[in-house]
Amino acid sequence: MTATADISLDGPGGLRRPATARSRIRSLLGYGAMLLIAVLFLYPLFWMITSSFKPGATILNNPLSFNPFHATLHNWRDMFAHVPIVRALFNTAVVVVFKGAVLLVFAPLAGYGFAKFAFPFKGFLFGFVLLTLMLPTLVLIIPLLLEMSQLGWINTFQALILPGAIDAFSVFWMRQTISQIPDELLDAARIDGAGPLRAFRSVVVPILRPALAALAVLSLFNIYNDLVWPIVAINDQQHQTLAVLLAGLSSNVSGSQAGASSADLWGQLMAACTFATIPTVLLFVLLQRHFIRGLLAGSSR
């Protein structure tokens, strides 16, 4: 009784104030921690962008400083003049568009087949698909390179687009997402006279859009940043992608001697890295809503 009286004398407002103060302190600490983490993650990006506008000698002698009044476009002019980055961006865009299109068409169809159809050895085949997730990429390099050589596809866009266009993770993700769609919806479509492909297009795809958008963002970033396979399949400048071009610039910087040429190469590398980052940032900004919805789709069911 005494404890109850003490609580009632303090009043509802008195009980809420300490709780509100504690929650505000926790919120401030949480936001402060997130701000610190964001600064730690964004500072390398900030350093790269600002370094692209600094003289090459400043990048080498005083890398952490940045004076806006000494900013220059010299690195960008040299980069566009001596580095075929526009051609590399075009090649990367071709690979991203066509390889992404192949993935977004055939991975959902494969997932649809595994999720909603019964056929012989279905479990074995799906297990075999999952088994390929355990294989390191380097194990497949030599067989794929020999296959491309036999087909005459070395130094072609076919070699950059077709191998690995449909990966096991995408099929698995689509299968798991489509399996959560009620069978009654597909049965209703069949009663209305829709075939399997019509039911897929009219029923499955509209429900699958958030997951497809998330898959598109993840896959397009992976294709955009892929280095191992393009550097093996392509050895001419005409089909070079951005990742291969940046790797070549980085190796030139590491192999050069200190001096004016090294400073110029550092400036060109920072400008090229900044230029290559712009499309990825724009892509994420445009698709971030669909990306977040796709990642949260599974937890909301």
C-alpha atoms as a PDB file:
ATOM      1  CA  MET A   1       0.000   0.000   0.000  1.00  0.00           C
ATOM      2  CA  THR A   2       2.815   2.386   0.855  1.00  0.00           C
ATOM      3  CA  ALA A   3       4.513   1.774  -2.460  1.00  0.00           C
ATOM      4  CA  THR A   4       1.244   2.368  -4.276  1.00  0.00           C
ATOM      5  CA  ALA A   5       0.737   5.648  -2.457  1.00  0.00           C
ATOM      6  CA  ASP A   6       4.249   6.776  -3.290  1.00  0.00           C
ATOM      7  CA  ILE A   7       3.673   6.063  -6.959  1.00  0.00           C
ATOM      8  CA  SER A   8       0.305   7.824  -7.021  1.00  0.00           C
ATOM      9  CA  LEU A   9       1.720  10.888  -5.273  1.00  0.00           C
ATOM     10  CA  ASP A  10       4.387  11.162  -7.942  1.00  0.00           C
ATOM     11  CA  GLY A  11       1.650  11.363 -10.540  1.00  0.00           C
ATOM     12  CA  PRO A  12       1.486  10.109 -14.114  1.00  0.00           C
ATOM     13  CA  GLY A  13       3.447  13.040 -15.379  1.00  0.00           C
ATOM     14  CA  GLY A  14       6.210  12.468 -12.866  1.00  0.00           C
ATOM     15  CA  LEU A  15       6.522   8.860 -13.939  1.00  0.00           C
ATOM     16  CA  ARG A  16       6.748   9.738 -17.588  1.00  0.00           C
ATOM     17  CA  ARG A  17       9.394  12.426 -17.321  1.00  0.00           C
ATOM     18  CA  PRO A  18      12.306  10.201 -16.257  1.00  0.00           C
ATOM     19  CA  ALA A  19      11.282   7.582 -18.835  1.00  0.00           C
ATOM     20  CA  THR A  20      11.051  10.253 -21.533  1.00  0.00           C
ATOM     21  CA  ALA A  21      14.436  11.677 -20.552  1.00  0.00           C
ATOM     22  CA  ARG A  22      16.032   8.226 -20.634  1.00  0.00           C
ATOM     23  CA  SER A  23      14.505   7.475 -24.030  1.00  0.00           C
ATOM     24  CA  ARG A  24      15.750  10.770 -25.395  1.00  0.00           C
ATOM     25  CA  ILE A  25      19.255  10.058 -24.105  1.00  0.00           C
ATOM     26  CA  ARG A  26      19.160   6.604 -25.694  1.00  0.00           C
ATOM     27  CA  SER A  27      17.936   8.121 -28.961  1.00  0.00           C
ATOM     28  CA  LEU A  28      20.699  10.745 -28.933  1.00  0.00           C
ATOM     29  CA  LEU A  29      23.325   8.093 -28.221  1.00  0.00           C
ATOM     30  CA  GLY A  30      21.919   5.916 -31.004  1.00  0.00           C
ATOM     31  CA  TYR A  31      21.886   8.766 -33.513  1.00  0.00           C
ATOM     32  CA  GLY A  32      25.383   9.778 -32.452  1.00  0.00           C
ATOM     33  CA  ALA A  33      26.673   6.234 -32.984  1.00  0.00           C
ATOM     34  CA  MET A  34      24.992   6.043 -36.402  1.00  0.00           C
ATOM     35  CA  LEU A  35      26.420   9.435 -37.351  1.00  0.00           C
ATOM     36  CA  LEU A  36      29.907   8.305 -36.351  1.00  0.00           C
ATOM     37  CA  ILE A  37      29.566   5.097 -38.377  1.00  0.00           C
ATOM     38  CA  ALA A  38      28.250   7.069 -41.357  1.00  0.00           C
ATOM     39  CA  VAL A  39      31.240   9.437 -41.183  1.00  0.00           C
ATOM     40  CA  LEU A  40      33.657   6.503 -41.032  1.00  0.00           C
ATOM     41  CA  PHE A  41      32.050   4.913 -44.085  1.00  0.00           C
ATOM     42  CA  LEU A  42      31.645   8.117 -46.092  1.00  0.00           C
ATOM     43  CA  TYR A  43      35.036   9.681 -45.402  1.00  0.00           C
ATOM     44  CA  PRO A  44      36.919   7.517 -47.979  1.00  0.00           C
ATOM     45  CA  LEU A  45      34.333   8.569 -50.567  1.00  0.00           C
ATOM     46  CA  PHE A  46      34.740  12.212 -49.558  1.00  0.00           C
ATOM     47  CA  TRP A  47      38.539  11.870 -49.763  1.00  0.00           C
ATOM     48  CA  MET A  48      38.330  10.317 -53.225  1.00  0.00           C
ATOM     49  CA  ILE A  49      36.064  13.070 -54.576  1.00  0.00           C
ATOM     50  CA  THR A  50      38.095  15.918 -53.104  1.00  0.00           C
ATOM     51  CA  SER A  51      41.376  14.327 -54.235  1.00  0.00           C
ATOM     52  CA  SER A  52      40.106  14.306 -57.799  1.00  0.00           C
ATOM     53  CA  PHE A  53      40.128  18.126 -57.637  1.00  0.00           C
ATOM     54  CA  LYS A  54      43.530  18.461 -55.961  1.00  0.00           C
ATOM     55  CA  PRO A  55      46.865  18.847 -57.768  1.00  0.00           C
ATOM     56  CA  GLY A  56      48.662  15.534 -58.098  1.00  0.00           C
ATOM     57  CA  ALA A  57      51.598  16.684 -55.966  1.00  0.00           C
ATOM     58  CA  THR A  58      49.224  17.563 -53.120  1.00  0.00           C
ATOM     59  CA  ILE A  59      47.719  14.062 -53.218  1.00  0.00           C
ATOM     60  CA  LEU A  60      51.180  12.586 -52.653  1.00  0.00           C
ATOM     61  CA  ASN A  61      52.662  15.131 -50.246  1.00  0.00           C
ATOM     62  CA  ASN A  62      49.614  16.096 -48.150  1.00  0.00           C
ATOM     63  CA  PRO A  63      46.842  13.593 -48.901  1.00  0.00           C
ATOM     64  CA  LEU A  64      44.461  14.482 -46.038  1.00  0.00           C
ATOM     65  CA  SER A  65      44.298  18.223 -46.702  1.00  0.00           C
ATOM     66  CA  PHE A  66      41.868  19.938 -49.048  1.00  0.00           C
ATOM     67  CA  ASN A  67      41.775  23.637 -49.859  1.00  0.00           C
ATOM     68  CA  PRO A  68      38.735  24.543 -52.008  1.00  0.00           C
ATOM     69  CA  PHE A  69      40.560  27.646 -53.267  1.00  0.00           C
ATOM     70  CA  HIS A  70      43.253  25.432 -54.819  1.00  0.00           C
ATOM     71  CA  ALA A  71      40.765  23.080 -56.511  1.00  0.00           C
ATOM     72  CA  THR A  72      41.521  22.339 -60.162  1.00  0.00           C
ATOM     73  CA  LEU A  73      40.004  20.393 -63.053  1.00  0.00           C
ATOM     74  CA  HIS A  74      43.442  19.358 -64.324  1.00  0.00           C
ATOM     75  CA  ASN A  75      42.975  15.738 -63.218  1.00  0.00           C
ATOM     76  CA  TRP A  76      39.613  15.483 -64.968  1.00  0.00           C
ATOM     77  CA  ARG A  77      40.947  16.983 -68.206  1.00  0.00           C
ATOM     78  CA  ASP A  78      43.904  14.589 -68.185  1.00  0.00           C
ATOM     79  CA  MET A  79      41.653  11.650 -67.385  1.00  0.00           C
ATOM     80  CA  PHE A  80      39.287  12.322 -70.291  1.00  0.00           C
ATOM     81  CA  ALA A  81      42.254  13.017 -72.596  1.00  0.00           C
ATOM     82  CA  HIS A  82      44.390   9.951 -71.779  1.00  0.00           C
ATOM     83  CA  VAL A  83      42.005   7.375 -70.293  1.00  0.00           C
ATOM     84  CA  PRO A  84      39.267   5.768 -72.495  1.00  0.00           C
ATOM     85  CA  ILE A  85      36.775   5.935 -69.659  1.00  0.00           C
ATOM     86  CA  VAL A  86      33.776   6.920 -71.800  1.00  0.00           C
ATOM     87  CA  ARG A  87      34.269   3.804 -73.927  1.00  0.00           C
ATOM     88  CA  ALA A  88      34.661   1.708 -70.790  1.00  0.00           C
ATOM     89  CA  LEU A  89      31.445   3.188 -69.367  1.00  0.00           C
ATOM     90  CA  PHE A  90      29.598   2.345 -72.589  1.00  0.00           C
ATOM     91  CA  ASN A  91      30.904  -1.239 -72.481  1.00  0.00           C
ATOM     92  CA  THR A  92      29.882  -1.580 -68.844  1.00  0.00           C
ATOM     93  CA  ALA A  93      26.411  -0.210 -69.588  1.00  0.00           C
ATOM     94  CA  VAL A  94      25.949  -2.745 -72.403  1.00  0.00           C
ATOM     95  CA  VAL A  95      26.978  -5.617 -70.122  1.00  0.00           C
ATOM     96  CA  VAL A  96      24.818  -4.397 -67.221  1.00  0.00           C
ATOM     97  CA  VAL A  97      21.698  -3.921 -69.366  1.00  0.00           C
ATOM     98  CA  PHE A  98      21.832  -7.175 -71.313  1.00  0.00           C
ATOM     99  CA  LYS A  99      23.177  -9.396 -68.536  1.00  0.00           C
ATOM    100  CA  GLY A 100      20.673  -7.902 -66.100  1.00  0.00           C
ATOM    101  CA  ALA A 101      17.844  -8.447 -68.585  1.00  0.00           C
ATOM    102  CA  VAL A 102      18.769 -12.117 -69.017  1.00  0.00           C
ATOM    103  CA  LEU A 103      18.876 -12.562 -65.250  1.00  0.00           C
ATOM    104  CA  LEU A 104      15.572 -10.790 -64.532  1.00  0.00           C
ATOM    105  CA  VAL A 105      13.752 -12.812 -67.213  1.00  0.00           C
ATOM    106  CA  PHE A 106      15.061 -16.328 -66.684  1.00  0.00           C
ATOM    107  CA  ALA A 107      15.767 -16.437 -62.924  1.00  0.00           C
ATOM    108  CA  PRO A 108      12.081 -15.792 -62.022  1.00  0.00           C
ATOM    109  CA  LEU A 109      10.986 -18.367 -64.610  1.00  0.00           C
ATOM    110  CA  ALA A 110      13.340 -20.952 -63.114  1.00  0.00           C
ATOM    111  CA  GLY A 111      12.140 -20.093 -59.619  1.00  0.00           C
ATOM    112  CA  TYR A 112       8.527 -20.365 -60.824  1.00  0.00           C
ATOM    113  CA  GLY A 113       9.187 -23.850 -62.170  1.00  0.00           C
ATOM    114  CA  PHE A 114      10.844 -25.053 -58.972  1.00  0.00           C
ATOM    115  CA  ALA A 115       8.188 -23.484 -56.736  1.00  0.00           C
ATOM    116  CA  LYS A 116       4.902 -24.316 -58.450  1.00  0.00           C
ATOM    117  CA  PHE A 117       5.445 -27.343 -60.718  1.00  0.00           C
ATOM    118  CA  ALA A 118       6.060 -31.027 -60.040  1.00  0.00           C
ATOM    119  CA  PHE A 119       8.451 -32.849 -62.359  1.00  0.00           C
ATOM    120  CA  PRO A 120      10.884 -35.779 -62.081  1.00  0.00           C
ATOM    121  CA  PHE A 121      14.064 -35.178 -60.072  1.00  0.00           C
ATOM    122  CA  LYS A 122      12.847 -31.748 -59.007  1.00  0.00           C
ATOM    123  CA  GLY A 123      14.457 -31.966 -55.560  1.00  0.00           C
ATOM    124  CA  PHE A 124      17.711 -33.312 -56.990  1.00  0.00           C
ATOM    125  CA  LEU A 125      17.943 -30.572 -59.614  1.00  0.00           C
ATOM    126  CA  PHE A 126      17.207 -27.819 -57.096  1.00  0.00           C
ATOM    127  CA  GLY A 127      19.791 -29.267 -54.732  1.00  0.00           C
ATOM    128  CA  PHE A 128      22.292 -29.336 -57.600  1.00  0.00           C
ATOM    129  CA  VAL A 129      21.574 -25.644 -58.256  1.00  0.00           C
ATOM    130  CA  LEU A 130      22.210 -24.851 -54.593  1.00  0.00           C
ATOM    131  CA  LEU A 131      25.369 -26.940 -54.683  1.00  0.00           C
ATOM    132  CA  THR A 132      26.882 -24.567 -57.219  1.00  0.00           C
ATOM    133  CA  LEU A 133      26.803 -21.854 -54.545  1.00  0.00           C
ATOM    134  CA  MET A 134      29.623 -23.736 -52.815  1.00  0.00           C
ATOM    135  CA  LEU A 135      31.907 -23.565 -55.849  1.00  0.00           C
ATOM    136  CA  PRO A 136      34.430 -20.683 -55.785  1.00  0.00           C
ATOM    137  CA  THR A 137      34.363 -18.471 -58.849  1.00  0.00           C
ATOM    138  CA  LEU A 138      38.028 -19.199 -59.578  1.00  0.00           C
ATOM    139  CA  VAL A 139      37.224 -22.906 -60.051  1.00  0.00           C
ATOM    140  CA  LEU A 140      35.046 -22.045 -63.065  1.00  0.00           C
ATOM    141  CA  ILE A 141      37.433 -19.584 -64.708  1.00  0.00           C
ATOM    142  CA  ILE A 142      39.522 -22.059 -66.741  1.00  0.00           C
ATOM    143  CA  PRO A 143      36.578 -24.203 -68.009  1.00  0.00           C
ATOM    144  CA  LEU A 144      34.662 -21.066 -69.010  1.00  0.00           C
ATOM    145  CA  LEU A 145      37.722 -19.580 -70.697  1.00  0.00           C
ATOM    146  CA  LEU A 146      38.265 -22.775 -72.707  1.00  0.00           C
ATOM    147  CA  GLU A 147      34.602 -22.779 -73.699  1.00  0.00           C
ATOM    148  CA  MET A 148      34.738 -19.154 -74.817  1.00  0.00           C
ATOM    149  CA  SER A 149      37.887 -19.911 -76.809  1.00  0.00           C
ATOM    150  CA  GLN A 150      36.231 -22.848 -78.572  1.00  0.00           C
ATOM    151  CA  LEU A 151      33.232 -20.670 -79.446  1.00  0.00           C
ATOM    152  CA  GLY A 152      35.470 -17.832 -80.654  1.00  0.00           C
ATOM    153  CA  TRP A 153      33.977 -15.433 -78.123  1.00  0.00           C
ATOM    154  CA  ILE A 154      37.180 -14.105 -76.538  1.00  0.00           C
ATOM    155  CA  ASN A 155      37.163 -10.280 -76.637  1.00  0.00           C
ATOM    156  CA  THR A 156      33.434 -10.122 -77.409  1.00  0.00           C
ATOM    157  CA  PHE A 157      30.375  -8.905 -75.546  1.00  0.00           C
ATOM    158  CA  GLN A 158      28.983 -12.456 -75.594  1.00  0.00           C
ATOM    159  CA  ALA A 159      31.820 -13.563 -73.328  1.00  0.00           C
ATOM    160  CA  LEU A 160      31.043 -10.739 -70.902  1.00  0.00           C
ATOM    161  CA  ILE A 161      27.261 -11.226 -70.876  1.00  0.00           C
ATOM    162  CA  LEU A 162      26.321 -14.904 -71.115  1.00  0.00           C
ATOM    163  CA  PRO A 163      28.624 -16.748 -68.659  1.00  0.00           C
ATOM    164  CA  GLY A 164      27.164 -16.400 -65.187  1.00  0.00           C
ATOM    165  CA  ALA A 165      24.152 -14.429 -66.377  1.00  0.00           C
ATOM    166  CA  ILE A 166      21.850 -16.625 -64.260  1.00  0.00           C
ATOM    167  CA  ASP A 167      23.287 -17.497 -60.863  1.00  0.00           C
ATOM    168  CA  ALA A 168      22.105 -19.976 -58.252  1.00  0.00           C
ATOM    169  CA  PHE A 169      21.387 -17.314 -55.624  1.00  0.00           C
ATOM    170  CA  SER A 170      18.917 -15.512 -57.905  1.00  0.00           C
ATOM    171  CA  VAL A 171      17.081 -18.761 -58.716  1.00  0.00           C
ATOM    172  CA  PHE A 172      16.963 -19.663 -55.020  1.00  0.00           C
ATOM    173  CA  TRP A 173      15.652 -16.210 -54.042  1.00  0.00           C
ATOM    174  CA  MET A 174      12.963 -16.274 -56.718  1.00  0.00           C
ATOM    175  CA  ARG A 175      11.938 -19.831 -55.801  1.00  0.00           C
ATOM    176  CA  GLN A 176      11.586 -18.934 -52.118  1.00  0.00           C
ATOM    177  CA  THR A 177       9.591 -15.786 -52.884  1.00  0.00           C
ATOM    178  CA  ILE A 178       7.263 -17.422 -55.418  1.00  0.00           C
ATOM    179  CA  SER A 179       6.618 -20.398 -53.119  1.00  0.00           C
ATOM    180  CA  GLN A 180       4.909 -17.976 -50.684  1.00  0.00           C
ATOM    181  CA  ILE A 181       2.309 -17.011 -53.306  1.00  0.00           C
ATOM    182  CA  PRO A 182      -0.941 -18.910 -52.542  1.00  0.00           C
ATOM    183  CA  ASP A 183      -1.700 -21.713 -54.984  1.00  0.00           C
ATOM    184  CA  GLU A 184      -5.336 -20.598 -54.995  1.00  0.00           C
ATOM    185  CA  LEU A 185      -4.408 -17.509 -57.027  1.00  0.00           C
ATOM    186  CA  LEU A 186      -2.816 -19.650 -59.729  1.00  0.00           C
ATOM    187  CA  ASP A 187      -5.728 -22.087 -59.628  1.00  0.00           C
ATOM    188  CA  ALA A 188      -8.135 -19.190 -60.182  1.00  0.00           C
ATOM    189  CA  ALA A 189      -6.067 -18.059 -63.168  1.00  0.00           C
ATOM    190  CA  ARG A 190      -6.179 -21.591 -64.634  1.00  0.00           C
ATOM    191  CA  ILE A 191      -9.960 -21.731 -64.172  1.00  0.00           C
ATOM    192  CA  ASP A 192     -10.182 -18.466 -66.134  1.00  0.00           C
ATOM    193  CA  GLY A 193      -8.296 -20.181 -68.960  1.00  0.00           C
ATOM    194  CA  ALA A 194      -4.799 -18.792 -68.377  1.00  0.00           C
ATOM    195  CA  GLY A 195      -1.872 -21.033 -69.242  1.00  0.00           C
ATOM    196  CA  PRO A 196       1.295 -21.327 -67.119  1.00  0.00           C
ATOM    197  CA  LEU A 197       3.057 -18.397 -68.784  1.00  0.00           C
ATOM    198  CA  ARG A 198      -0.055 -16.219 -68.733  1.00  0.00           C
ATOM    199  CA  ALA A 199      -0.550 -16.992 -65.037  1.00  0.00           C
ATOM    200  CA  PHE A 200       3.094 -16.141 -64.414  1.00  0.00           C
ATOM    201  CA  ARG A 201       2.795 -12.827 -66.247  1.00  0.00           C
ATOM    202  CA  SER A 202      -0.589 -11.793 -64.812  1.00  0.00           C
ATOM    203  CA  VAL A 203      -0.436 -13.174 -61.265  1.00  0.00           C
ATOM    204  CA  VAL A 204       3.139 -13.904 -60.217  1.00  0.00           C
ATOM    205  CA  VAL A 205       5.023 -10.948 -61.716  1.00  0.00           C
ATOM    206  CA  PRO A 206       2.867  -8.188 -60.100  1.00  0.00           C
ATOM    207  CA  ILE A 207       3.351  -9.789 -56.674  1.00  0.00           C
ATOM    208  CA  LEU A 208       7.037 -10.346 -57.380  1.00  0.00           C
ATOM    209  CA  ARG A 209       7.881  -6.762 -58.322  1.00  0.00           C
ATOM    210  CA  PRO A 210       9.443  -5.670 -54.979  1.00  0.00           C
ATOM    211  CA  ALA A 211      11.644  -8.775 -54.870  1.00  0.00           C
ATOM    212  CA  LEU A 212      12.570  -8.295 -58.531  1.00  0.00           C
ATOM    213  CA  ALA A 213      13.530  -4.683 -57.866  1.00  0.00           C
ATOM    214  CA  ALA A 214      15.758  -5.717 -54.967  1.00  0.00           C
ATOM    215  CA  LEU A 215      17.298  -8.485 -57.085  1.00  0.00           C
ATOM    216  CA  ALA A 216      17.877  -5.997 -59.891  1.00  0.00           C
ATOM    217  CA  VAL A 217      19.748  -3.577 -57.609  1.00  0.00           C
ATOM    218  CA  LEU A 218      21.934  -6.275 -56.060  1.00  0.00           C
ATOM    219  CA  SER A 219      22.659  -7.987 -59.377  1.00  0.00           C
ATOM    220  CA  LEU A 220      23.336  -4.785 -61.315  1.00  0.00           C
ATOM    221  CA  PHE A 221      25.833  -3.657 -58.675  1.00  0.00           C
ATOM    222  CA  ASN A 222      27.559  -7.053 -58.827  1.00  0.00           C
ATOM    223  CA  ILE A 223      27.725  -6.936 -62.624  1.00  0.00           C
ATOM    224  CA  TYR A 224      28.949  -3.335 -62.587  1.00  0.00           C
ATOM    225  CA  ASN A 225      31.751  -4.128 -60.132  1.00  0.00           C
ATOM    226  CA  ASP A 226      32.731  -7.518 -61.575  1.00  0.00           C
ATOM    227  CA  LEU A 227      36.468  -7.703 -62.223  1.00  0.00           C
ATOM    228  CA  VAL A 228      37.635 -11.337 -62.202  1.00  0.00           C
ATOM    229  CA  TRP A 229      35.797 -12.643 -65.262  1.00  0.00           C
ATOM    230  CA  PRO A 230      36.109  -9.506 -67.495  1.00  0.00           C
ATOM    231  CA  ILE A 231      39.845  -9.260 -66.859  1.00  0.00           C
ATOM    232  CA  VAL A 232      40.213 -12.897 -67.988  1.00  0.00           C
ATOM    233  CA  ALA A 233      37.831 -12.894 -70.963  1.00  0.00           C
ATOM    234  CA  ILE A 234      38.856  -9.494 -72.382  1.00  0.00           C
ATOM    235  CA  ASN A 235      42.388  -8.414 -73.265  1.00  0.00           C
ATOM    236  CA  ASP A 236      41.719  -5.580 -75.690  1.00  0.00           C
ATOM    237  CA  GLN A 237      40.851  -1.966 -74.936  1.00  0.00           C
ATOM    238  CA  GLN A 238      37.793  -1.947 -77.187  1.00  0.00           C
ATOM    239  CA  HIS A 239      35.740  -4.178 -74.839  1.00  0.00           C
ATOM    240  CA  GLN A 240      37.254  -3.064 -71.525  1.00  0.00           C
ATOM    241  CA  THR A 241      34.818  -2.476 -68.673  1.00  0.00           C
ATOM    242  CA  LEU A 242      35.163   0.184 -65.998  1.00  0.00           C
ATOM    243  CA  ALA A 243      36.372  -2.284 -63.348  1.00  0.00           C
ATOM    244  CA  VAL A 244      39.149  -3.538 -65.644  1.00  0.00           C
ATOM    245  CA  LEU A 245      40.105   0.014 -66.606  1.00  0.00           C
ATOM    246  CA  LEU A 246      40.350   1.130 -62.972  1.00  0.00           C
ATOM    247  CA  ALA A 247      42.394  -1.949 -62.089  1.00  0.00           C
ATOM    248  CA  GLY A 248      44.792  -1.088 -64.925  1.00  0.00           C
ATOM    249  CA  LEU A 249      45.114   2.509 -63.715  1.00  0.00           C
ATOM    250  CA  SER A 250      45.756   1.307 -60.169  1.00  0.00           C
ATOM    251  CA  SER A 251      48.491  -1.064 -61.328  1.00  0.00           C
ATOM    252  CA  ASN A 252      50.083   1.754 -63.338  1.00  0.00           C
ATOM    253  CA  VAL A 253      50.160   3.931 -60.215  1.00  0.00           C
ATOM    254  CA  SER A 254      51.664   1.131 -58.110  1.00  0.00           C
ATOM    255  CA  GLY A 255      54.294   0.338 -60.724  1.00  0.00           C
ATOM    256  CA  SER A 256      55.351   3.901 -61.478  1.00  0.00           C
ATOM    257  CA  GLN A 257      58.216   5.718 -59.793  1.00  0.00           C
ATOM    258  CA  ALA A 258      57.725   8.745 -57.580  1.00  0.00           C
ATOM    259  CA  GLY A 259      57.719  12.006 -59.436  1.00  0.00           C
ATOM    260  CA  ALA A 260      55.558  14.140 -61.668  1.00  0.00           C
ATOM    261  CA  SER A 261      54.246  11.169 -63.673  1.00  0.00           C
ATOM    262  CA  SER A 262      53.228   9.382 -60.498  1.00  0.00           C
ATOM    263  CA  ALA A 263      51.399  12.477 -59.268  1.00  0.00           C
ATOM    264  CA  ASP A 264      49.545  12.827 -62.559  1.00  0.00           C
ATOM    265  CA  LEU A 265      48.552   9.140 -62.471  1.00  0.00           C
ATOM    266  CA  TRP A 266      47.204   9.524 -58.950  1.00  0.00           C
ATOM    267  CA  GLY A 267      45.088  12.481 -60.027  1.00  0.00           C
ATOM    268  CA  GLN A 268      43.743  10.602 -63.053  1.00  0.00           C
ATOM    269  CA  LEU A 269      42.955   7.575 -60.875  1.00  0.00           C
ATOM    270  CA  MET A 270      40.983   9.667 -58.354  1.00  0.00           C
ATOM    271  CA  ALA A 271      39.055  11.388 -61.150  1.00  0.00           C
ATOM    272  CA  ALA A 272      38.315   8.053 -62.850  1.00  0.00           C
ATOM    273  CA  CYS A 273      37.138   6.459 -59.578  1.00  0.00           C
ATOM    274  CA  THR A 274      34.859   9.421 -58.889  1.00  0.00           C
ATOM    275  CA  PHE A 275      33.461   9.244 -62.422  1.00  0.00           C
ATOM    276  CA  ALA A 276      32.831   5.491 -62.067  1.00  0.00           C
ATOM    277  CA  THR A 277      31.029   6.008 -58.739  1.00  0.00           C
ATOM    278  CA  ILE A 278      28.442   8.435 -60.122  1.00  0.00           C
ATOM    279  CA  PRO A 279      26.309   5.827 -62.019  1.00  0.00           C
ATOM    280  CA  THR A 280      26.126   3.525 -58.982  1.00  0.00           C
ATOM    281  CA  VAL A 281      25.006   6.347 -56.705  1.00  0.00           C
ATOM    282  CA  LEU A 282      22.345   7.482 -59.189  1.00  0.00           C
ATOM    283  CA  LEU A 283      21.148   3.900 -59.645  1.00  0.00           C
ATOM    284  CA  PHE A 284      20.735   3.356 -55.910  1.00  0.00           C
ATOM    285  CA  VAL A 285      19.003   6.716 -55.402  1.00  0.00           C
ATOM    286  CA  LEU A 286      16.493   5.893 -58.138  1.00  0.00           C
ATOM    287  CA  LEU A 287      15.818   2.331 -56.936  1.00  0.00           C
ATOM    288  CA  GLN A 288      16.327   2.573 -53.187  1.00  0.00           C
ATOM    289  CA  ARG A 289      12.582   2.521 -52.426  1.00  0.00           C
ATOM    290  CA  HIS A 290      12.118  -0.725 -54.347  1.00  0.00           C
ATOM    291  CA  PHE A 291      15.336  -2.117 -52.904  1.00  0.00           C
ATOM    292  CA  ILE A 292      14.209  -1.597 -49.278  1.00  0.00           C
ATOM    293  CA  ARG A 293      10.714  -2.918 -50.014  1.00  0.00           C
ATOM    294  CA  GLY A 294      12.181  -6.024 -51.590  1.00  0.00           C
ATOM    295  CA  LEU A 295      14.471  -6.718 -48.658  1.00  0.00           C
ATOM    296  CA  LEU A 296      11.610  -6.264 -46.169  1.00  0.00           C
ATOM    297  CA  ALA A 297       9.084  -8.256 -48.215  1.00  0.00           C
ATOM    298  CA  GLY A 298      10.033 -11.571 -46.645  1.00  0.00           C
ATOM    299  CA  SER A 299       9.797 -10.281 -43.060  1.00  0.00           C
ATOM    300  CA  SER A 300       6.374  -8.727 -43.637  1.00  0.00           C
ATOM    301  CA  ARG A 301       4.793 -12.028 -44.648  1.00  0.00           C
END
